[in-house]
């Protein structure tokens, strides 16, 4: 396969990832409002631990680089907290 074709496919996948991240972000206001209404803390370390463990298990199943997946989801969770904090 030609390099330009491969790059085009990677660009398409990146666009899909961005669309999914935008959809994910659209729910964060709802999460923040729920936490506020139920007097839950913004930062819930046990929940983050559960999320990361689940993502790492899936990474292993899909034979993905677990370090990469951990870094990506740590960044997503950190960004999620910042977005929720803005809503609150």
C-alpha atoms as a PDB file:
ATOM      1  CA  UNK A   1       0.000   0.000   0.000  1.00  0.00           C
ATOM      2  CA  UNK A   2       1.255   3.456  -0.863  1.00  0.00           C
ATOM      3  CA  UNK A   3       2.278   5.746   1.980  1.00  0.00           C
ATOM      4  CA  UNK A   4      -0.198   8.465   1.006  1.00  0.00           C
ATOM      5  CA  UNK A   5      -3.075   5.970   1.107  1.00  0.00           C
ATOM      6  CA  UNK A   6      -1.965   4.751   4.529  1.00  0.00           C
ATOM      7  CA  UNK A   7      -1.711   8.331   5.781  1.00  0.00           C
ATOM      8  CA  UNK A   8      -5.181   9.108   4.453  1.00  0.00           C
ATOM      9  CA  UNK A   9      -6.590   6.101   6.339  1.00  0.00           C
ATOM     10  CA  UNK A  10      -4.811   7.236   9.519  1.00  0.00           C
ATOM     11  CA  UNK A  11      -6.229  10.748   9.084  1.00  0.00           C
ATOM     12  CA  UNK A  12      -9.727   9.272   8.748  1.00  0.00           C
ATOM     13  CA  UNK A  13      -9.253   7.252  11.921  1.00  0.00           C
ATOM     14  CA  UNK A  14      -7.970  10.344  13.742  1.00  0.00           C
ATOM     15  CA  UNK A  15     -11.100  12.210  12.679  1.00  0.00           C
ATOM     16  CA  UNK A  16     -13.259   9.390  14.051  1.00  0.00           C
ATOM     17  CA  UNK A  17     -11.350   9.530  17.349  1.00  0.00           C
ATOM     18  CA  UNK A  18     -11.924  13.277  17.572  1.00  0.00           C
ATOM     19  CA  UNK A  19     -15.642  12.849  16.884  1.00  0.00           C
ATOM     20  CA  UNK A  20     -15.888  10.230  19.621  1.00  0.00           C
ATOM     21  CA  UNK A  21     -13.973  12.451  22.056  1.00  0.00           C
ATOM     22  CA  UNK A  22     -16.372  15.305  21.305  1.00  0.00           C
ATOM     23  CA  UNK A  23     -19.340  13.036  21.980  1.00  0.00           C
ATOM     24  CA  UNK A  24     -17.747  11.873  25.221  1.00  0.00           C
ATOM     25  CA  UNK A  25     -17.149  15.460  26.267  1.00  0.00           C
ATOM     26  CA  UNK A  26     -20.791  16.340  25.619  1.00  0.00           C
ATOM     27  CA  UNK A  27     -21.809  14.147  28.579  1.00  0.00           C
ATOM     28  CA  UNK A  28     -19.439  15.732  31.089  1.00  0.00           C
ATOM     29  CA  UNK A  29     -21.798  18.572  31.976  1.00  0.00           C
ATOM     30  CA  UNK A  30     -24.430  16.000  32.880  1.00  0.00           C
ATOM     31  CA  UNK A  31     -21.904  14.161  35.049  1.00  0.00           C
ATOM     32  CA  UNK A  32     -20.905  17.385  36.811  1.00  0.00           C
ATOM     33  CA  UNK A  33     -24.511  18.388  37.481  1.00  0.00           C
ATOM     34  CA  UNK A  34     -25.306  14.908  38.811  1.00  0.00           C
ATOM     35  CA  UNK A  35     -22.307  15.019  41.139  1.00  0.00           C
ATOM     36  CA  UNK A  36     -23.349  18.459  42.396  1.00  0.00           C
ATOM     37  CA  UNK A  37     -26.972  17.420  42.933  1.00  0.00           C
ATOM     38  CA  UNK A  38     -25.893  14.328  44.865  1.00  0.00           C
ATOM     39  CA  UNK A  39     -23.052  15.985  46.797  1.00  0.00           C
ATOM     40  CA  UNK A  40     -20.429  13.800  45.153  1.00  0.00           C
ATOM     41  CA  UNK A  41     -16.827  14.936  44.891  1.00  0.00           C
ATOM     42  CA  UNK A  42     -15.504  15.993  41.524  1.00  0.00           C
ATOM     43  CA  UNK A  43     -12.492  13.732  41.878  1.00  0.00           C
ATOM     44  CA  UNK A  44     -13.315  10.103  42.608  1.00  0.00           C
ATOM     45  CA  UNK A  45     -10.041   8.148  42.661  1.00  0.00           C
ATOM     46  CA  UNK A  46     -11.721   4.753  42.975  1.00  0.00           C
ATOM     47  CA  UNK A  47     -13.813   5.425  39.868  1.00  0.00           C
ATOM     48  CA  UNK A  48     -10.725   6.528  37.943  1.00  0.00           C
ATOM     49  CA  UNK A  49      -8.934   3.378  39.058  1.00  0.00           C
ATOM     50  CA  UNK A  50     -11.845   1.243  37.814  1.00  0.00           C
ATOM     51  CA  UNK A  51     -11.864   3.034  34.477  1.00  0.00           C
ATOM     52  CA  UNK A  52      -8.120   2.660  33.961  1.00  0.00           C
ATOM     53  CA  UNK A  53      -8.169  -1.009  34.962  1.00  0.00           C
ATOM     54  CA  UNK A  54     -10.981  -1.707  32.496  1.00  0.00           C
ATOM     55  CA  UNK A  55      -9.180   0.127  29.699  1.00  0.00           C
ATOM     56  CA  UNK A  56      -5.933  -1.710  30.402  1.00  0.00           C
ATOM     57  CA  UNK A  57      -7.736  -5.052  30.367  1.00  0.00           C
ATOM     58  CA  UNK A  58      -9.258  -4.181  26.997  1.00  0.00           C
ATOM     59  CA  UNK A  59      -5.865  -3.002  25.735  1.00  0.00           C
ATOM     60  CA  UNK A  60      -4.397  -6.365  26.656  1.00  0.00           C
ATOM     61  CA  UNK A  61      -7.236  -8.186  24.897  1.00  0.00           C
ATOM     62  CA  UNK A  62      -6.756  -6.050  21.777  1.00  0.00           C
ATOM     63  CA  UNK A  63      -2.970  -6.411  21.996  1.00  0.00           C
ATOM     64  CA  UNK A  64      -2.448  -2.673  22.335  1.00  0.00           C
ATOM     65  CA  UNK A  65       0.474  -0.984  24.022  1.00  0.00           C
ATOM     66  CA  UNK A  66      -0.761  -0.708  27.614  1.00  0.00           C
ATOM     67  CA  UNK A  67       1.520   2.232  28.408  1.00  0.00           C
ATOM     68  CA  UNK A  68       0.046   4.198  25.518  1.00  0.00           C
ATOM     69  CA  UNK A  69      -3.527   3.364  26.571  1.00  0.00           C
ATOM     70  CA  UNK A  70      -2.813   4.319  30.181  1.00  0.00           C
ATOM     71  CA  UNK A  71      -1.346   7.680  29.128  1.00  0.00           C
ATOM     72  CA  UNK A  72      -4.238   8.427  26.770  1.00  0.00           C
ATOM     73  CA  UNK A  73      -6.909   7.635  29.340  1.00  0.00           C
ATOM     74  CA  UNK A  74      -5.070   9.441  32.129  1.00  0.00           C
ATOM     75  CA  UNK A  75      -5.119  12.527  29.894  1.00  0.00           C
ATOM     76  CA  UNK A  76      -8.802  12.011  29.050  1.00  0.00           C
ATOM     77  CA  UNK A  77      -9.718  11.675  32.721  1.00  0.00           C
ATOM     78  CA  UNK A  78      -7.683  14.749  33.683  1.00  0.00           C
ATOM     79  CA  UNK A  79      -9.383  16.761  30.956  1.00  0.00           C
ATOM     80  CA  UNK A  80     -12.760  15.421  32.094  1.00  0.00           C
ATOM     81  CA  UNK A  81     -12.172  16.707  35.608  1.00  0.00           C
ATOM     82  CA  UNK A  82     -11.231  20.149  34.286  1.00  0.00           C
ATOM     83  CA  UNK A  83     -14.335  20.273  32.092  1.00  0.00           C
ATOM     84  CA  UNK A  84     -16.564  19.213  34.987  1.00  0.00           C
ATOM     85  CA  UNK A  85     -14.951  21.817  37.244  1.00  0.00           C
ATOM     86  CA  UNK A  86     -15.805  24.533  34.706  1.00  0.00           C
ATOM     87  CA  UNK A  87     -19.451  23.429  34.742  1.00  0.00           C
ATOM     88  CA  UNK A  88     -19.550  23.547  38.540  1.00  0.00           C
END
